[in-house]
Amino acid sequence: MALMRRAVLLLLISGASPVAAVPAPTPSAPMSLAALSQLETGLWQLDVQGRTPRQMCVSDPMTLVQIEHDQPGCSRFVIANDPKSATIHYSCQRSGWGRSTLRVENPRAATIHTQGIARNAPFDYAVQAKRVGGCGGQVSAKRR
């Protein structure tokens, strides 16, 4: 919330209209992020220190920035869109919110830092994500 207030303040100082300059996020709007477009689809393993590794079939790399809220219909706001990294803030009605930064190491590996609120509790952790193969018979993560 503080980040949004700063953005509006900067817009007001620059003379721009905050209503015209900041479009409302929509749950169904497709996003094209430079960093995510470099990642391969397939079976990915997510390693978080102190937790059991988790595997997920990724058909849309956008699912990797919203790993704590595995649900459709969340609104997203792109904070940074660079060739090797992306930062996204997302909000899910009645489920919480998150802010994730994904850094691409190569098309089969990425580091994700995610933080926010889920199930009425804060979360903040880093994930080492790596593609480990094809999905085979596994169900892919839903497109968001």
N, C-alpha and C. Protein backbone atom coordinates (compact mmCIF):
# COMPACT_ATOMS: atom_id res chain seq x y z
N MET A 1 0.83 -1.18 0.00
CA MET A 1 0.00 0.00 0.00
C MET A 1 0.88 1.25 0.00
N ALA A 2 1.95 1.24 0.76
CA ALA A 2 2.84 2.39 0.81
C ALA A 2 3.46 2.63 -0.55
N LEU A 3 3.76 1.57 -1.28
CA LEU A 3 4.34 1.70 -2.61
C LEU A 3 3.37 2.40 -3.55
N MET A 4 2.09 2.06 -3.47
CA MET A 4 1.08 2.69 -4.32
C MET A 4 0.94 4.16 -3.97
N ARG A 5 0.96 4.50 -2.68
CA ARG A 5 0.88 5.90 -2.27
C ARG A 5 2.05 6.69 -2.80
N ARG A 6 3.26 6.10 -2.76
CA ARG A 6 4.44 6.78 -3.31
C ARG A 6 4.30 6.99 -4.80
N ALA A 7 3.77 6.01 -5.51
CA ALA A 7 3.60 6.13 -6.96
C ALA A 7 2.62 7.25 -7.29
N VAL A 8 1.51 7.34 -6.56
CA VAL A 8 0.53 8.40 -6.80
C VAL A 8 1.14 9.75 -6.46
N LEU A 9 1.89 9.84 -5.37
CA LEU A 9 2.54 11.08 -4.99
C LEU A 9 3.51 11.54 -6.08
N LEU A 10 4.31 10.62 -6.61
CA LEU A 10 5.23 10.97 -7.70
C LEU A 10 4.48 11.45 -8.92
N LEU A 11 3.36 10.84 -9.22
CA LEU A 11 2.55 11.27 -10.36
C LEU A 11 1.99 12.66 -10.14
N LEU A 12 1.52 12.94 -8.93
CA LEU A 12 0.98 14.26 -8.62
C LEU A 12 2.06 15.33 -8.71
N ILE A 13 3.26 15.01 -8.22
CA ILE A 13 4.37 15.97 -8.28
C ILE A 13 4.75 16.26 -9.72
N SER A 14 4.70 15.22 -10.57
CA SER A 14 5.08 15.41 -11.96
C SER A 14 3.97 16.05 -12.78
N GLY A 15 2.78 16.21 -12.19
CA GLY A 15 1.68 16.85 -12.90
C GLY A 15 0.79 15.88 -13.65
N ALA A 16 1.09 14.60 -13.59
CA ALA A 16 0.27 13.61 -14.29
C ALA A 16 -0.96 13.27 -13.45
N SER A 17 -1.99 12.84 -14.11
CA SER A 17 -3.19 12.42 -13.42
C SER A 17 -3.04 10.98 -12.95
N PRO A 18 -3.20 10.69 -11.65
CA PRO A 18 -3.04 9.32 -11.18
C PRO A 18 -4.10 8.38 -11.77
N VAL A 19 -5.28 8.88 -12.07
CA VAL A 19 -6.32 8.03 -12.63
C VAL A 19 -5.95 7.60 -14.04
N ALA A 20 -5.43 8.52 -14.83
CA ALA A 20 -5.08 8.20 -16.22
C ALA A 20 -3.78 7.41 -16.31
N ALA A 21 -2.87 7.63 -15.37
CA ALA A 21 -1.54 7.02 -15.48
C ALA A 21 -1.47 5.62 -14.90
N VAL A 22 -2.33 5.27 -13.96
CA VAL A 22 -2.27 3.96 -13.34
C VAL A 22 -3.52 3.18 -13.71
N PRO A 23 -3.42 2.28 -14.71
CA PRO A 23 -4.61 1.53 -15.09
C PRO A 23 -5.01 0.54 -14.00
N ALA A 24 -6.28 0.29 -13.91
CA ALA A 24 -6.76 -0.69 -12.92
C ALA A 24 -6.34 -2.08 -13.37
N PRO A 25 -5.77 -2.87 -12.45
CA PRO A 25 -5.38 -4.22 -12.83
C PRO A 25 -6.62 -5.08 -13.07
N THR A 26 -6.51 -5.97 -14.03
CA THR A 26 -7.63 -6.86 -14.33
C THR A 26 -7.15 -8.29 -14.21
N PRO A 27 -7.96 -9.17 -13.62
CA PRO A 27 -7.55 -10.54 -13.43
C PRO A 27 -7.31 -11.31 -14.74
N SER A 28 -8.02 -10.95 -15.80
CA SER A 28 -7.91 -11.73 -17.02
C SER A 28 -6.92 -11.15 -18.03
N ALA A 29 -6.35 -10.00 -17.76
CA ALA A 29 -5.44 -9.38 -18.73
C ALA A 29 -4.14 -10.18 -18.81
N PRO A 30 -3.77 -10.62 -20.03
CA PRO A 30 -2.51 -11.37 -20.17
C PRO A 30 -1.32 -10.43 -19.98
N MET A 31 -0.28 -10.94 -19.36
CA MET A 31 0.92 -10.14 -19.14
C MET A 31 2.07 -10.74 -19.92
N SER A 32 2.88 -9.87 -20.46
CA SER A 32 4.08 -10.33 -21.14
C SER A 32 5.27 -9.72 -20.41
N LEU A 33 5.98 -10.55 -19.70
CA LEU A 33 7.14 -10.09 -18.95
C LEU A 33 8.40 -10.67 -19.58
N ALA A 34 9.36 -9.81 -19.85
CA ALA A 34 10.58 -10.21 -20.56
C ALA A 34 11.28 -11.38 -19.87
N ALA A 35 11.45 -11.32 -18.57
CA ALA A 35 12.16 -12.39 -17.85
C ALA A 35 11.40 -13.71 -17.94
N LEU A 36 10.09 -13.67 -17.74
CA LEU A 36 9.31 -14.90 -17.74
C LEU A 36 9.27 -15.55 -19.11
N SER A 37 9.35 -14.75 -20.16
CA SER A 37 9.30 -15.32 -21.51
C SER A 37 10.54 -16.16 -21.81
N GLN A 38 11.60 -16.02 -21.02
CA GLN A 38 12.82 -16.80 -21.21
C GLN A 38 12.74 -18.20 -20.58
N LEU A 39 11.79 -18.39 -19.67
CA LEU A 39 11.71 -19.66 -18.94
C LEU A 39 10.99 -20.73 -19.74
N GLU A 40 11.49 -21.96 -19.64
CA GLU A 40 10.88 -23.10 -20.30
C GLU A 40 9.69 -23.60 -19.48
N THR A 41 8.71 -24.13 -20.18
CA THR A 41 7.60 -24.78 -19.49
C THR A 41 8.00 -26.22 -19.17
N GLY A 42 7.25 -26.86 -18.31
CA GLY A 42 7.55 -28.24 -17.94
C GLY A 42 7.42 -28.45 -16.45
N LEU A 43 8.01 -29.52 -15.95
CA LEU A 43 7.99 -29.85 -14.53
C LEU A 43 9.09 -29.08 -13.81
N TRP A 44 8.71 -28.28 -12.84
CA TRP A 44 9.65 -27.47 -12.07
C TRP A 44 9.66 -27.93 -10.62
N GLN A 45 10.85 -27.90 -10.02
CA GLN A 45 10.99 -28.20 -8.60
C GLN A 45 11.27 -26.91 -7.86
N LEU A 46 10.53 -26.68 -6.78
CA LEU A 46 10.67 -25.48 -5.96
C LEU A 46 11.30 -25.87 -4.63
N ASP A 47 12.48 -25.34 -4.37
CA ASP A 47 13.20 -25.65 -3.13
C ASP A 47 13.22 -24.42 -2.23
N VAL A 48 12.69 -24.59 -1.02
CA VAL A 48 12.70 -23.55 0.00
C VAL A 48 13.43 -24.13 1.20
N GLN A 49 14.40 -23.39 1.71
CA GLN A 49 15.18 -23.89 2.84
C GLN A 49 14.26 -24.23 4.01
N GLY A 50 14.43 -25.44 4.56
CA GLY A 50 13.65 -25.88 5.70
C GLY A 50 12.32 -26.53 5.33
N ARG A 51 12.03 -26.64 4.05
CA ARG A 51 10.77 -27.25 3.61
C ARG A 51 11.05 -28.40 2.66
N THR A 52 10.08 -29.28 2.52
CA THR A 52 10.18 -30.36 1.55
C THR A 52 10.05 -29.77 0.15
N PRO A 53 10.92 -30.18 -0.79
CA PRO A 53 10.80 -29.68 -2.16
C PRO A 53 9.42 -29.99 -2.74
N ARG A 54 8.94 -29.09 -3.56
CA ARG A 54 7.62 -29.22 -4.18
C ARG A 54 7.79 -29.19 -5.70
N GLN A 55 7.06 -30.01 -6.40
CA GLN A 55 7.11 -29.99 -7.86
C GLN A 55 5.77 -29.53 -8.42
N MET A 56 5.84 -28.77 -9.51
CA MET A 56 4.62 -28.34 -10.18
C MET A 56 4.85 -28.28 -11.68
N CYS A 57 3.83 -28.66 -12.42
CA CYS A 57 3.89 -28.60 -13.87
C CYS A 57 3.52 -27.19 -14.29
N VAL A 58 4.42 -26.51 -14.96
CA VAL A 58 4.24 -25.11 -15.33
C VAL A 58 4.00 -25.00 -16.83
N SER A 59 2.77 -24.62 -17.19
CA SER A 59 2.46 -24.36 -18.59
C SER A 59 2.53 -22.87 -18.88
N ASP A 60 2.46 -22.05 -17.83
CA ASP A 60 2.56 -20.59 -17.93
C ASP A 60 3.52 -20.13 -16.83
N PRO A 61 4.71 -19.61 -17.19
CA PRO A 61 5.68 -19.20 -16.17
C PRO A 61 5.15 -18.15 -15.17
N MET A 62 4.04 -17.45 -15.49
CA MET A 62 3.47 -16.49 -14.55
C MET A 62 3.08 -17.17 -13.24
N THR A 63 2.81 -18.47 -13.28
CA THR A 63 2.45 -19.19 -12.05
C THR A 63 3.60 -19.18 -11.04
N LEU A 64 4.82 -18.99 -11.50
CA LEU A 64 5.97 -18.99 -10.60
C LEU A 64 6.06 -17.74 -9.73
N VAL A 65 5.39 -16.65 -10.12
CA VAL A 65 5.44 -15.44 -9.29
C VAL A 65 4.30 -15.40 -8.27
N GLN A 66 3.39 -16.36 -8.35
CA GLN A 66 2.24 -16.37 -7.46
C GLN A 66 2.13 -17.73 -6.78
N ILE A 67 3.25 -18.25 -6.29
CA ILE A 67 3.26 -19.62 -5.75
C ILE A 67 2.56 -19.75 -4.40
N GLU A 68 2.46 -18.70 -3.65
CA GLU A 68 1.79 -18.79 -2.34
C GLU A 68 0.27 -18.70 -2.49
N HIS A 69 -0.20 -18.14 -3.57
CA HIS A 69 -1.64 -18.01 -3.83
C HIS A 69 -1.93 -18.72 -5.15
N ASP A 70 -2.09 -20.03 -5.09
CA ASP A 70 -2.30 -20.84 -6.28
C ASP A 70 -3.78 -20.82 -6.65
N GLN A 71 -4.22 -19.69 -7.21
CA GLN A 71 -5.62 -19.54 -7.56
C GLN A 71 -5.77 -18.53 -8.70
N PRO A 72 -6.81 -18.68 -9.49
CA PRO A 72 -7.06 -17.70 -10.55
C PRO A 72 -7.78 -16.48 -10.00
N GLY A 73 -7.85 -15.43 -10.79
CA GLY A 73 -8.64 -14.26 -10.44
C GLY A 73 -7.95 -13.22 -9.59
N CYS A 74 -6.66 -13.33 -9.39
CA CYS A 74 -5.94 -12.32 -8.62
C CYS A 74 -5.55 -11.17 -9.55
N SER A 75 -5.62 -9.95 -9.04
CA SER A 75 -5.18 -8.80 -9.84
C SER A 75 -3.67 -8.64 -9.66
N ARG A 76 -3.00 -8.11 -10.69
CA ARG A 76 -1.54 -7.95 -10.65
C ARG A 76 -1.13 -6.56 -11.09
N PHE A 77 -0.04 -6.10 -10.51
CA PHE A 77 0.56 -4.82 -10.88
C PHE A 77 2.05 -5.07 -11.09
N VAL A 78 2.54 -4.76 -12.27
CA VAL A 78 3.95 -4.98 -12.58
C VAL A 78 4.75 -3.80 -12.03
N ILE A 79 5.70 -4.11 -11.17
CA ILE A 79 6.56 -3.09 -10.58
C ILE A 79 7.83 -2.93 -11.41
N ALA A 80 8.40 -4.05 -11.87
CA ALA A 80 9.61 -4.02 -12.69
C ALA A 80 9.53 -5.12 -13.75
N ASN A 81 9.97 -4.78 -14.95
CA ASN A 81 9.95 -5.72 -16.06
C ASN A 81 11.27 -5.57 -16.80
N ASP A 82 12.26 -6.33 -16.39
CA ASP A 82 13.59 -6.26 -16.97
C ASP A 82 13.89 -7.57 -17.70
N PRO A 83 14.92 -7.60 -18.55
CA PRO A 83 15.23 -8.83 -19.30
C PRO A 83 15.55 -10.04 -18.42
N LYS A 84 16.13 -9.83 -17.25
CA LYS A 84 16.51 -10.96 -16.39
C LYS A 84 15.73 -11.02 -15.08
N SER A 85 14.86 -10.06 -14.81
CA SER A 85 14.08 -10.12 -13.57
C SER A 85 12.75 -9.38 -13.73
N ALA A 86 11.80 -9.79 -12.91
CA ALA A 86 10.48 -9.16 -12.89
C ALA A 86 9.99 -9.10 -11.45
N THR A 87 9.32 -8.01 -11.11
CA THR A 87 8.71 -7.87 -9.79
C THR A 87 7.24 -7.55 -10.00
N ILE A 88 6.40 -8.34 -9.35
CA ILE A 88 4.96 -8.22 -9.48
C ILE A 88 4.32 -8.18 -8.10
N HIS A 89 3.39 -7.25 -7.91
CA HIS A 89 2.55 -7.23 -6.72
C HIS A 89 1.20 -7.78 -7.15
N TYR A 90 0.65 -8.70 -6.38
CA TYR A 90 -0.66 -9.25 -6.72
C TYR A 90 -1.56 -9.25 -5.49
N SER A 91 -2.86 -9.21 -5.74
CA SER A 91 -3.84 -9.20 -4.67
C SER A 91 -4.97 -10.16 -5.03
N CYS A 92 -5.31 -11.03 -4.07
CA CYS A 92 -6.34 -12.04 -4.28
C CYS A 92 -7.47 -11.77 -3.29
N GLN A 93 -8.67 -11.55 -3.79
CA GLN A 93 -9.80 -11.24 -2.92
C GLN A 93 -9.96 -12.27 -1.82
N ARG A 94 -10.05 -11.78 -0.61
CA ARG A 94 -10.28 -12.60 0.59
C ARG A 94 -9.19 -13.65 0.85
N SER A 95 -8.10 -13.63 0.08
CA SER A 95 -7.04 -14.63 0.28
C SER A 95 -5.71 -14.01 0.63
N GLY A 96 -5.58 -12.70 0.48
CA GLY A 96 -4.33 -12.04 0.80
C GLY A 96 -3.67 -11.43 -0.43
N TRP A 97 -2.38 -11.19 -0.30
CA TRP A 97 -1.63 -10.53 -1.36
C TRP A 97 -0.18 -10.99 -1.31
N GLY A 98 0.56 -10.65 -2.34
CA GLY A 98 1.97 -10.99 -2.36
C GLY A 98 2.75 -10.07 -3.28
N ARG A 99 4.03 -10.08 -3.08
CA ARG A 99 4.96 -9.36 -3.95
C ARG A 99 6.11 -10.32 -4.22
N SER A 100 6.33 -10.61 -5.48
CA SER A 100 7.37 -11.56 -5.85
C SER A 100 8.34 -10.94 -6.83
N THR A 101 9.60 -11.25 -6.63
CA THR A 101 10.64 -10.88 -7.59
C THR A 101 11.26 -12.18 -8.08
N LEU A 102 11.24 -12.36 -9.40
CA LEU A 102 11.80 -13.55 -10.02
C LEU A 102 13.02 -13.14 -10.82
N ARG A 103 14.14 -13.79 -10.56
CA ARG A 103 15.39 -13.52 -11.30
C ARG A 103 15.74 -14.77 -12.10
N VAL A 104 15.87 -14.63 -13.40
CA VAL A 104 16.18 -15.75 -14.28
C VAL A 104 17.68 -16.01 -14.27
N GLU A 105 18.05 -17.23 -13.93
CA GLU A 105 19.46 -17.65 -13.99
C GLU A 105 19.77 -18.16 -15.40
N ASN A 106 18.86 -18.98 -15.93
CA ASN A 106 18.92 -19.50 -17.29
C ASN A 106 17.52 -20.01 -17.61
N PRO A 107 17.24 -20.49 -18.83
CA PRO A 107 15.87 -20.90 -19.16
C PRO A 107 15.30 -22.03 -18.29
N ARG A 108 16.17 -22.69 -17.50
CA ARG A 108 15.72 -23.81 -16.67
C ARG A 108 15.94 -23.57 -15.17
N ALA A 109 16.29 -22.36 -14.79
CA ALA A 109 16.52 -22.07 -13.37
C ALA A 109 16.21 -20.61 -13.07
N ALA A 110 15.62 -20.39 -11.88
CA ALA A 110 15.28 -19.03 -11.45
C ALA A 110 15.31 -18.98 -9.92
N THR A 111 15.50 -17.77 -9.41
CA THR A 111 15.41 -17.52 -7.98
C THR A 111 14.20 -16.61 -7.78
N ILE A 112 13.36 -16.97 -6.82
CA ILE A 112 12.15 -16.21 -6.55
C ILE A 112 12.18 -15.76 -5.09
N HIS A 113 11.96 -14.47 -4.86
CA HIS A 113 11.77 -13.99 -3.50
C HIS A 113 10.33 -13.54 -3.42
N THR A 114 9.58 -14.09 -2.48
CA THR A 114 8.16 -13.76 -2.35
C THR A 114 7.83 -13.42 -0.91
N GLN A 115 6.92 -12.47 -0.74
CA GLN A 115 6.48 -12.07 0.58
C GLN A 115 5.06 -11.55 0.49
N GLY A 116 4.35 -11.58 1.61
CA GLY A 116 2.98 -11.07 1.62
C GLY A 116 2.18 -11.67 2.76
N ILE A 117 0.88 -11.80 2.53
CA ILE A 117 -0.05 -12.33 3.51
C ILE A 117 -0.86 -13.44 2.84
N ALA A 118 -0.90 -14.61 3.44
CA ALA A 118 -1.72 -15.73 2.96
C ALA A 118 -2.32 -16.44 4.17
N ARG A 119 -3.57 -16.82 4.08
CA ARG A 119 -4.25 -17.50 5.19
C ARG A 119 -4.09 -16.71 6.49
N ASN A 120 -4.24 -15.41 6.40
CA ASN A 120 -4.16 -14.48 7.55
C ASN A 120 -2.82 -14.51 8.27
N ALA A 121 -1.76 -14.89 7.59
CA ALA A 121 -0.43 -14.93 8.21
C ALA A 121 0.60 -14.41 7.21
N PRO A 122 1.65 -13.76 7.71
CA PRO A 122 2.68 -13.26 6.80
C PRO A 122 3.57 -14.40 6.29
N PHE A 123 4.12 -14.20 5.11
CA PHE A 123 5.12 -15.11 4.56
C PHE A 123 6.23 -14.28 3.93
N ASP A 124 7.43 -14.82 3.91
CA ASP A 124 8.59 -14.15 3.34
C ASP A 124 9.68 -15.21 3.19
N TYR A 125 9.97 -15.60 1.96
CA TYR A 125 10.98 -16.63 1.74
C TYR A 125 11.53 -16.57 0.33
N ALA A 126 12.65 -17.26 0.15
CA ALA A 126 13.29 -17.37 -1.17
C ALA A 126 13.12 -18.79 -1.69
N VAL A 127 12.97 -18.90 -2.99
CA VAL A 127 12.76 -20.19 -3.65
C VAL A 127 13.81 -20.37 -4.73
N GLN A 128 14.43 -21.54 -4.74
CA GLN A 128 15.29 -21.93 -5.86
C GLN A 128 14.42 -22.79 -6.75
N ALA A 129 14.14 -22.32 -7.95
CA ALA A 129 13.27 -23.05 -8.87
C ALA A 129 14.10 -23.58 -10.03
N LYS A 130 13.88 -24.84 -10.37
CA LYS A 130 14.61 -25.41 -11.51
C LYS A 130 13.70 -26.37 -12.27
N ARG A 131 13.83 -26.34 -13.58
CA ARG A 131 13.07 -27.25 -14.43
C ARG A 131 13.74 -28.61 -14.35
N VAL A 132 12.94 -29.63 -14.08
CA VAL A 132 13.50 -30.98 -13.90
C VAL A 132 13.04 -31.95 -14.98
N GLY A 133 12.21 -31.50 -15.92
CA GLY A 133 11.77 -32.39 -16.99
C GLY A 133 10.44 -31.96 -17.57
N GLY A 134 9.88 -32.87 -18.36
CA GLY A 134 8.56 -32.64 -18.93
C GLY A 134 7.50 -33.00 -17.92
N CYS A 135 6.29 -32.57 -18.18
CA CYS A 135 5.22 -32.81 -17.23
C CYS A 135 4.70 -34.23 -17.25
N GLY A 136 4.79 -34.89 -18.36
CA GLY A 136 4.28 -36.26 -18.42
C GLY A 136 2.80 -36.28 -18.13
N GLY A 137 2.38 -37.08 -17.16
CA GLY A 137 0.97 -37.22 -16.83
C GLY A 137 0.48 -36.23 -15.80
N GLN A 138 1.34 -35.34 -15.31
CA GLN A 138 0.92 -34.40 -14.28
C GLN A 138 0.03 -33.31 -14.86
N VAL A 139 -0.87 -32.81 -14.05
CA VAL A 139 -1.75 -31.71 -14.44
C VAL A 139 -0.95 -30.42 -14.31
N SER A 140 -1.03 -29.58 -15.34
CA SER A 140 -0.26 -28.33 -15.31
C SER A 140 -0.92 -27.30 -14.41
N ALA A 141 -0.09 -26.38 -13.90
CA ALA A 141 -0.60 -25.29 -13.10
C ALA A 141 -1.50 -24.43 -13.97
N LYS A 142 -2.59 -23.96 -13.41
CA LYS A 142 -3.57 -23.19 -14.19
C LYS A 142 -2.99 -21.89 -14.68
N ARG A 143 -3.43 -21.48 -15.86
CA ARG A 143 -3.05 -20.18 -16.41
C ARG A 143 -3.78 -19.12 -15.60
N ARG A 144 -3.10 -18.07 -15.27
CA ARG A 144 -3.68 -16.99 -14.47
C ARG A 144 -3.95 -15.79 -15.32
